[in-house]
Amino acid sequence: MTTTTSWIRRVPDGSAVFLENRTRTLTVTEGHGTGHDCAYCHRTIEPAAVERCVQASVLGGVRTLHFHRVCHHLWESHEH
């Protein structure tokens, strides 16, 4: 797999901040929402929603990122 530039939206203090991360997607799984916050929109992923879990190498470590299905597509569309 190749390293790509991805954008993850962060809102630590209430203001919209976009942080560029070098990421490498390792695996993607899909299932019912688990109540995690979405890594893109920061809203709760409800049980009725589809949740995508992405194992990715982010900032030098492996992390699991949780996304709504649509947010995952938006996140992927910013990879170049």
PDB file of N, CA and C in Angstrom:
ATOM      1  N   MET A   1       0.840  -1.184   0.000  1.00  0.00           N
ATOM      2  CA  MET A   1       0.000   0.000   0.000  1.00  0.00           C
ATOM      3  C   MET A   1       0.880   1.240   0.000  1.00  0.00           C
ATOM      4  N   THR A   2       0.339   2.313  -0.548  1.00  0.00           N
ATOM      5  CA  THR A   2       1.103   3.541  -0.643  1.00  0.00           C
ATOM      6  C   THR A   2       0.697   4.521   0.435  1.00  0.00           C
ATOM      7  N   THR A   3       1.592   5.427   0.753  1.00  0.00           N
ATOM      8  CA  THR A   3       1.292   6.497   1.699  1.00  0.00           C
ATOM      9  C   THR A   3       0.621   7.622   0.935  1.00  0.00           C
ATOM     10  N   THR A   4      -0.473   8.124   1.487  1.00  0.00           N
ATOM     11  CA  THR A   4      -1.216   9.189   0.840  1.00  0.00           C
ATOM     12  C   THR A   4      -1.473  10.317   1.823  1.00  0.00           C
ATOM     13  N   THR A   5      -1.805  11.462   1.310  1.00  0.00           N
ATOM     14  CA  THR A   5      -2.167  12.585   2.152  1.00  0.00           C
ATOM     15  C   THR A   5      -3.665  12.532   2.412  1.00  0.00           C
ATOM     16  N   SER A   6      -4.046  12.590   3.667  1.00  0.00           N
ATOM     17  CA  SER A   6      -5.454  12.562   4.042  1.00  0.00           C
ATOM     18  C   SER A   6      -5.739  13.735   4.962  1.00  0.00           C
ATOM     19  N   TRP A   7      -6.971  14.154   4.968  1.00  0.00           N
ATOM     20  CA  TRP A   7      -7.379  15.252   5.835  1.00  0.00           C
ATOM     21  C   TRP A   7      -8.334  14.708   6.872  1.00  0.00           C
ATOM     22  N   ILE A   8      -8.041  14.933   8.142  1.00  0.00           N
ATOM     23  CA  ILE A   8      -8.939  14.571   9.220  1.00  0.00           C
ATOM     24  C   ILE A   8      -9.336  15.855   9.918  1.00  0.00           C
ATOM     25  N   ARG A   9     -10.640  16.064  10.036  1.00  0.00           N
ATOM     26  CA  ARG A   9     -11.143  17.298  10.638  1.00  0.00           C
ATOM     27  C   ARG A   9     -11.025  17.186  12.148  1.00  0.00           C
ATOM     28  N   ARG A  10     -10.417  18.161  12.756  1.00  0.00           N
ATOM     29  CA  ARG A  10     -10.268  18.214  14.203  1.00  0.00           C
ATOM     30  C   ARG A  10     -10.920  19.490  14.714  1.00  0.00           C
ATOM     31  N   VAL A  11     -11.670  19.392  15.787  1.00  0.00           N
ATOM     32  CA  VAL A  11     -12.311  20.570  16.372  1.00  0.00           C
ATOM     33  C   VAL A  11     -12.068  20.556  17.887  1.00  0.00           C
ATOM     34  N   PRO A  12     -10.807  20.737  18.319  1.00  0.00           N
ATOM     35  CA  PRO A  12     -10.498  20.634  19.744  1.00  0.00           C
ATOM     36  C   PRO A  12     -11.047  21.783  20.584  1.00  0.00           C
ATOM     37  N   ASP A  13     -11.175  22.966  20.027  1.00  0.00           N
ATOM     38  CA  ASP A  13     -11.617  24.112  20.811  1.00  0.00           C
ATOM     39  C   ASP A  13     -12.883  24.745  20.238  1.00  0.00           C
ATOM     40  N   GLY A  14     -13.604  24.010  19.423  1.00  0.00           N
ATOM     41  CA  GLY A  14     -14.834  24.528  18.836  1.00  0.00           C
ATOM     42  C   GLY A  14     -14.645  25.169  17.477  1.00  0.00           C
ATOM     43  N   SER A  15     -13.400  25.451  17.091  1.00  0.00           N
ATOM     44  CA  SER A  15     -13.161  26.035  15.774  1.00  0.00           C
ATOM     45  C   SER A  15     -12.783  24.921  14.807  1.00  0.00           C
ATOM     46  N   ALA A  16     -13.118  25.109  13.555  1.00  0.00           N
ATOM     47  CA  ALA A  16     -12.806  24.098  12.543  1.00  0.00           C
ATOM     48  C   ALA A  16     -11.337  24.202  12.159  1.00  0.00           C
ATOM     49  N   VAL A  17     -10.617  23.122  12.353  1.00  0.00           N
ATOM     50  CA  VAL A  17      -9.202  23.061  11.998  1.00  0.00           C
ATOM     51  C   VAL A  17      -8.998  21.809  11.164  1.00  0.00           C
ATOM     52  N   PHE A  18      -8.326  21.941  10.048  1.00  0.00           N
ATOM     53  CA  PHE A  18      -8.029  20.780   9.214  1.00  0.00           C
ATOM     54  C   PHE A  18      -6.552  20.459   9.364  1.00  0.00           C
ATOM     55  N   LEU A  19      -6.280  19.212   9.716  1.00  0.00           N
ATOM     56  CA  LEU A  19      -4.921  18.771   9.964  1.00  0.00           C
ATOM     57  C   LEU A  19      -4.534  17.757   8.902  1.00  0.00           C
ATOM     58  N   GLU A  20      -3.439  18.008   8.221  1.00  0.00           N
ATOM     59  CA  GLU A  20      -2.959  17.053   7.224  1.00  0.00           C
ATOM     60  C   GLU A  20      -2.197  15.949   7.939  1.00  0.00           C
ATOM     61  N   ASN A  21      -2.552  14.724   7.665  1.00  0.00           N
ATOM     62  CA  ASN A  21      -1.856  13.567   8.223  1.00  0.00           C
ATOM     63  C   ASN A  21      -1.361  12.694   7.081  1.00  0.00           C
ATOM     64  N   ARG A  22      -0.187  12.127   7.261  1.00  0.00           N
ATOM     65  CA  ARG A  22       0.286  11.117   6.320  1.00  0.00           C
ATOM     66  C   ARG A  22      -0.280   9.802   6.821  1.00  0.00           C
ATOM     67  N   THR A  23      -1.106   9.160   6.031  1.00  0.00           N
ATOM     68  CA  THR A  23      -1.740   7.921   6.473  1.00  0.00           C
ATOM     69  C   THR A  23      -1.518   6.811   5.464  1.00  0.00           C
ATOM     70  N   ARG A  24      -1.584   5.597   5.980  1.00  0.00           N
ATOM     71  CA  ARG A  24      -1.561   4.407   5.134  1.00  0.00           C
ATOM     72  C   ARG A  24      -2.660   3.501   5.664  1.00  0.00           C
ATOM     73  N   THR A  25      -3.700   3.276   4.880  1.00  0.00           N
ATOM     74  CA  THR A  25      -4.802   2.423   5.293  1.00  0.00           C
ATOM     75  C   THR A  25      -4.336   0.977   5.297  1.00  0.00           C
ATOM     76  N   LEU A  26      -4.574   0.287   6.407  1.00  0.00           N
ATOM     77  CA  LEU A  26      -4.194  -1.114   6.539  1.00  0.00           C
ATOM     78  C   LEU A  26      -5.395  -2.027   6.307  1.00  0.00           C
ATOM     79  N   THR A  27      -6.520  -1.766   6.970  1.00  0.00           N
ATOM     80  CA  THR A  27      -7.741  -2.552   6.797  1.00  0.00           C
ATOM     81  C   THR A  27      -8.961  -1.657   6.933  1.00  0.00           C
ATOM     82  N   VAL A  28     -10.074  -2.083   6.331  1.00  0.00           N
ATOM     83  CA  VAL A  28     -11.348  -1.390   6.467  1.00  0.00           C
ATOM     84  C   VAL A  28     -12.408  -2.454   6.740  1.00  0.00           C
ATOM     85  N   THR A  29     -13.180  -2.276   7.822  1.00  0.00           N
ATOM     86  CA  THR A  29     -14.306  -3.158   8.114  1.00  0.00           C
ATOM     87  C   THR A  29     -15.558  -2.305   8.241  1.00  0.00           C
ATOM     88  N   GLU A  30     -16.707  -2.935   8.061  1.00  0.00           N
ATOM     89  CA  GLU A  30     -17.970  -2.208   8.088  1.00  0.00           C
ATOM     90  C   GLU A  30     -18.975  -2.969   8.949  1.00  0.00           C
ATOM     91  N   GLY A  31     -19.787  -2.231   9.690  1.00  0.00           N
ATOM     92  CA  GLY A  31     -20.814  -2.850  10.517  1.00  0.00           C
ATOM     93  C   GLY A  31     -21.770  -1.798  11.040  1.00  0.00           C
ATOM     94  N   HIS A  32     -22.554  -2.181  12.041  1.00  0.00           N
ATOM     95  CA  HIS A  32     -23.485  -1.242  12.670  1.00  0.00           C
ATOM     96  C   HIS A  32     -22.711  -0.251  13.533  1.00  0.00           C
ATOM     97  N   GLY A  33     -23.278   0.942  13.700  1.00  0.00           N
ATOM     98  CA  GLY A  33     -22.654   1.962  14.528  1.00  0.00           C
ATOM     99  C   GLY A  33     -22.435   1.473  15.951  1.00  0.00           C
ATOM    100  N   THR A  34     -21.320   1.874  16.538  1.00  0.00           N
ATOM    101  CA  THR A  34     -20.952   1.429  17.882  1.00  0.00           C
ATOM    102  C   THR A  34     -20.976   2.552  18.911  1.00  0.00           C
ATOM    103  N   GLY A  35     -21.395   3.738  18.502  1.00  0.00           N
ATOM    104  CA  GLY A  35     -21.432   4.859  19.440  1.00  0.00           C
ATOM    105  C   GLY A  35     -20.157   5.670  19.493  1.00  0.00           C
ATOM    106  N   HIS A  36     -19.140   5.292  18.690  1.00  0.00           N
ATOM    107  CA  HIS A  36     -17.914   6.093  18.629  1.00  0.00           C
ATOM    108  C   HIS A  36     -18.197   7.411  17.920  1.00  0.00           C
ATOM    109  N   ASP A  37     -17.345   8.386  18.142  1.00  0.00           N
ATOM    110  CA  ASP A  37     -17.417   9.630  17.382  1.00  0.00           C
ATOM    111  C   ASP A  37     -16.728   9.423  16.044  1.00  0.00           C
ATOM    112  N   CYS A  38     -17.301   9.990  14.993  1.00  0.00           N
ATOM    113  CA  CYS A  38     -16.738   9.920  13.657  1.00  0.00           C
ATOM    114  C   CYS A  38     -15.456  10.754  13.599  1.00  0.00           C
ATOM    115  N   ALA A  39     -14.397  10.204  13.002  1.00  0.00           N
ATOM    116  CA  ALA A  39     -13.119  10.907  12.877  1.00  0.00           C
ATOM    117  C   ALA A  39     -13.198  12.085  11.908  1.00  0.00           C
ATOM    118  N   TYR A  40     -14.251  12.134  11.102  1.00  0.00           N
ATOM    119  CA  TYR A  40     -14.376  13.212  10.118  1.00  0.00           C
ATOM    120  C   TYR A  40     -15.310  14.317  10.604  1.00  0.00           C
ATOM    121  N   CYS A  41     -16.526  13.948  11.042  1.00  0.00           N
ATOM    122  CA  CYS A  41     -17.509  14.975  11.422  1.00  0.00           C
ATOM    123  C   CYS A  41     -17.667  15.128  12.931  1.00  0.00           C
ATOM    124  N   HIS A  42     -17.089  14.221  13.707  1.00  0.00           N
ATOM    125  CA  HIS A  42     -17.110  14.242  15.165  1.00  0.00           C
ATOM    126  C   HIS A  42     -18.494  14.047  15.778  1.00  0.00           C
ATOM    127  N   ARG A  43     -19.443  13.559  14.998  1.00  0.00           N
ATOM    128  CA  ARG A  43     -20.760  13.222  15.540  1.00  0.00           C
ATOM    129  C   ARG A  43     -20.773  11.744  15.907  1.00  0.00           C
ATOM    130  N   THR A  44     -21.642  11.381  16.843  1.00  0.00           N
ATOM    131  CA  THR A  44     -21.758   9.991  17.271  1.00  0.00           C
ATOM    132  C   THR A  44     -22.287   9.120  16.138  1.00  0.00           C
ATOM    133  N   ILE A  45     -21.703   7.949  15.974  1.00  0.00           N
ATOM    134  CA  ILE A  45     -22.172   6.993  14.973  1.00  0.00           C
ATOM    135  C   ILE A  45     -23.196   6.092  15.663  1.00  0.00           C
ATOM    136  N   GLU A  46     -24.463   6.355  15.409  1.00  0.00           N
ATOM    137  CA  GLU A  46     -25.572   5.660  16.057  1.00  0.00           C
ATOM    138  C   GLU A  46     -25.676   4.216  15.570  1.00  0.00           C
ATOM    139  N   PRO A  47     -26.272   3.320  16.375  1.00  0.00           N
ATOM    140  CA  PRO A  47     -26.401   1.907  15.989  1.00  0.00           C
ATOM    141  C   PRO A  47     -27.129   1.673  14.662  1.00  0.00           C
ATOM    142  N   ALA A  48     -28.053   2.562  14.293  1.00  0.00           N
ATOM    143  CA  ALA A  48     -28.788   2.395  13.031  1.00  0.00           C
ATOM    144  C   ALA A  48     -27.953   2.786  11.812  1.00  0.00           C
ATOM    145  N   ALA A  49     -26.827   3.463  12.036  1.00  0.00           N
ATOM    146  CA  ALA A  49     -25.970   3.911  10.934  1.00  0.00           C
ATOM    147  C   ALA A  49     -24.922   2.844  10.603  1.00  0.00           C
ATOM    148  N   VAL A  50     -24.380   2.932   9.396  1.00  0.00           N
ATOM    149  CA  VAL A  50     -23.263   2.072   9.001  1.00  0.00           C
ATOM    150  C   VAL A  50     -21.978   2.737   9.468  1.00  0.00           C
ATOM    151  N   GLU A  51     -21.139   1.970  10.140  1.00  0.00           N
ATOM    152  CA  GLU A  51     -19.854   2.478  10.618  1.00  0.00           C
ATOM    153  C   GLU A  51     -18.732   1.760   9.887  1.00  0.00           C
ATOM    154  N   ARG A  52     -17.771   2.525   9.420  1.00  0.00           N
ATOM    155  CA  ARG A  52     -16.569   1.950   8.817  1.00  0.00           C
ATOM    156  C   ARG A  52     -15.415   2.180   9.791  1.00  0.00           C
ATOM    157  N   CYS A  53     -14.730   1.104  10.115  1.00  0.00           N
ATOM    158  CA  CYS A  53     -13.554   1.163  10.978  1.00  0.00           C
ATOM    159  C   CYS A  53     -12.326   0.989  10.107  1.00  0.00           C
ATOM    160  N   VAL A  54     -11.443   1.954  10.167  1.00  0.00           N
ATOM    161  CA  VAL A  54     -10.238   1.951   9.350  1.00  0.00           C
ATOM    162  C   VAL A  54      -9.032   1.811  10.266  1.00  0.00           C
ATOM    163  N   GLN A  55      -8.272   0.742  10.076  1.00  0.00           N
ATOM    164  CA  GLN A  55      -6.983   0.604  10.745  1.00  0.00           C
ATOM    165  C   GLN A  55      -5.988   1.317   9.845  1.00  0.00           C
ATOM    166  N   ALA A  56      -5.324   2.318  10.392  1.00  0.00           N
ATOM    167  CA  ALA A  56      -4.418   3.114   9.572  1.00  0.00           C
ATOM    168  C   ALA A  56      -3.162   3.462  10.343  1.00  0.00           C
ATOM    169  N   SER A  57      -2.089   3.584   9.606  1.00  0.00           N
ATOM    170  CA  SER A  57      -0.856   4.089  10.169  1.00  0.00           C
ATOM    171  C   SER A  57      -0.953   5.608  10.123  1.00  0.00           C
ATOM    172  N   VAL A  58      -1.076   6.212  11.300  1.00  0.00           N
ATOM    173  CA  VAL A  58      -1.287   7.660  11.404  1.00  0.00           C
ATOM    174  C   VAL A  58      -0.253   8.246  12.358  1.00  0.00           C
ATOM    175  N   LEU A  59       0.462   9.239  11.907  1.00  0.00           N
ATOM    176  CA  LEU A  59       1.442   9.942  12.734  1.00  0.00           C
ATOM    177  C   LEU A  59       2.392   8.984  13.442  1.00  0.00           C
ATOM    178  N   GLY A  60       2.859   7.978  12.720  1.00  0.00           N
ATOM    179  CA  GLY A  60       3.870   7.074  13.240  1.00  0.00           C
ATOM    180  C   GLY A  60       3.350   5.900  14.056  1.00  0.00           C
ATOM    181  N   GLY A  61       2.042   5.765  14.215  1.00  0.00           N
ATOM    182  CA  GLY A  61       1.472   4.644  14.949  1.00  0.00           C
ATOM    183  C   GLY A  61       0.227   4.135  14.259  1.00  0.00           C
ATOM    184  N   VAL A  62      -0.240   2.960  14.669  1.00  0.00           N
ATOM    185  CA  VAL A  62      -1.463   2.396  14.090  1.00  0.00           C
ATOM    186  C   VAL A  62      -2.634   2.815  14.961  1.00  0.00           C
ATOM    187  N   ARG A  63      -3.666   3.346  14.324  1.00  0.00           N
ATOM    188  CA  ARG A  63      -4.872   3.782  15.030  1.00  0.00           C
ATOM    189  C   ARG A  63      -6.085   3.236  14.310  1.00  0.00           C
ATOM    190  N   THR A  64      -7.169   3.089  15.053  1.00  0.00           N
ATOM    191  CA  THR A  64      -8.460   2.754  14.465  1.00  0.00           C
ATOM    192  C   THR A  64      -9.266   4.035  14.362  1.00  0.00           C
ATOM    193  N   LEU A  65      -9.671   4.358  13.151  1.00  0.00           N
ATOM    194  CA  LEU A  65     -10.489   5.543  12.896  1.00  0.00           C
ATOM    195  C   LEU A  65     -11.897   5.068  12.571  1.00  0.00           C
ATOM    196  N   HIS A  66     -12.897   5.674  13.200  1.00  0.00           N
ATOM    197  CA  HIS A  66     -14.297   5.304  12.993  1.00  0.00           C
ATOM    198  C   HIS A  66     -14.952   6.388  12.140  1.00  0.00           C
ATOM    199  N   PHE A  67     -15.727   5.977  11.134  1.00  0.00           N
ATOM    200  CA  PHE A  67     -16.375   6.916  10.222  1.00  0.00           C
ATOM    201  C   PHE A  67     -17.807   6.489   9.948  1.00  0.00           C
ATOM    202  N   HIS A  68     -18.683   7.492   9.722  1.00  0.00           N
ATOM    203  CA  HIS A  68     -19.949   7.207   9.044  1.00  0.00           C
ATOM    204  C   HIS A  68     -19.569   6.794   7.618  1.00  0.00           C
ATOM    205  N   ARG A  69     -20.424   6.041   6.945  1.00  0.00           N
ATOM    206  CA  ARG A  69     -20.107   5.603   5.583  1.00  0.00           C
ATOM    207  C   ARG A  69     -19.827   6.805   4.673  1.00  0.00           C
ATOM    208  N   VAL A  70     -20.691   7.805   4.692  1.00  0.00           N
ATOM    209  CA  VAL A  70     -20.503   8.984   3.832  1.00  0.00           C
ATOM    210  C   VAL A  70     -19.239   9.742   4.219  1.00  0.00           C
ATOM    211  N   CYS A  71     -18.986   9.886   5.518  1.00  0.00           N
ATOM    212  CA  CYS A  71     -17.778  10.597   5.962  1.00  0.00           C
ATOM    213  C   CYS A  71     -16.514   9.873   5.515  1.00  0.00           C
ATOM    214  N   HIS A  72     -16.561   8.547   5.497  1.00  0.00           N
ATOM    215  CA  HIS A  72     -15.404   7.788   5.015  1.00  0.00           C
ATOM    216  C   HIS A  72     -15.139   8.099   3.546  1.00  0.00           C
ATOM    217  N   HIS A  73     -16.207   8.168   2.753  1.00  0.00           N
ATOM    218  CA  HIS A  73     -16.039   8.523   1.338  1.00  0.00           C
ATOM    219  C   HIS A  73     -15.456   9.927   1.196  1.00  0.00           C
ATOM    220  N   LEU A  74     -15.918  10.866   2.006  1.00  0.00           N
ATOM    221  CA  LEU A  74     -15.388  12.234   1.957  1.00  0.00           C
ATOM    222  C   LEU A  74     -13.914  12.251   2.351  1.00  0.00           C
ATOM    223  N   TRP A  75     -13.578  11.503   3.391  1.00  0.00           N
ATOM    224  CA  TRP A  75     -12.174  11.426   3.850  1.00  0.00           C
ATOM    225  C   TRP A  75     -11.303  10.839   2.748  1.00  0.00           C
ATOM    226  N   GLU A  76     -11.779   9.768   2.101  1.00  0.00           N
ATOM    227  CA  GLU A  76     -11.017   9.156   1.020  1.00  0.00           C
ATOM    228  C   GLU A  76     -10.856  10.094  -0.170  1.00  0.00           C
ATOM    229  N   SER A  77     -11.878  10.902  -0.449  1.00  0.00           N
ATOM    230  CA  SER A  77     -11.827  11.789  -1.605  1.00  0.00           C
ATOM    231  C   SER A  77     -10.769  12.875  -1.454  1.00  0.00           C
ATOM    232  N   HIS A  78     -10.280  13.107  -0.245  1.00  0.00           N
ATOM    233  CA  HIS A  78      -9.238  14.099  -0.019  1.00  0.00           C
ATOM    234  C   HIS A  78      -7.851  13.490  -0.060  1.00  0.00           C
ATOM    235  N   GLU A  79      -7.760  12.170  -0.316  1.00  0.00           N
ATOM    236  CA  GLU A  79      -6.445  11.540  -0.438  1.00  0.00           C
ATOM    237  C   GLU A  79      -5.914  11.792  -1.849  1.00  0.00           C
ATOM    238  N   HIS A  80      -4.676  12.184  -1.933  1.00  0.00           N
ATOM    239  CA  HIS A  80      -4.052  12.462  -3.230  1.00  0.00           C
ATOM    240  C   HIS A  80      -2.751  11.714  -3.339  1.00  0.00           C
TER     241      HIS A  80
END
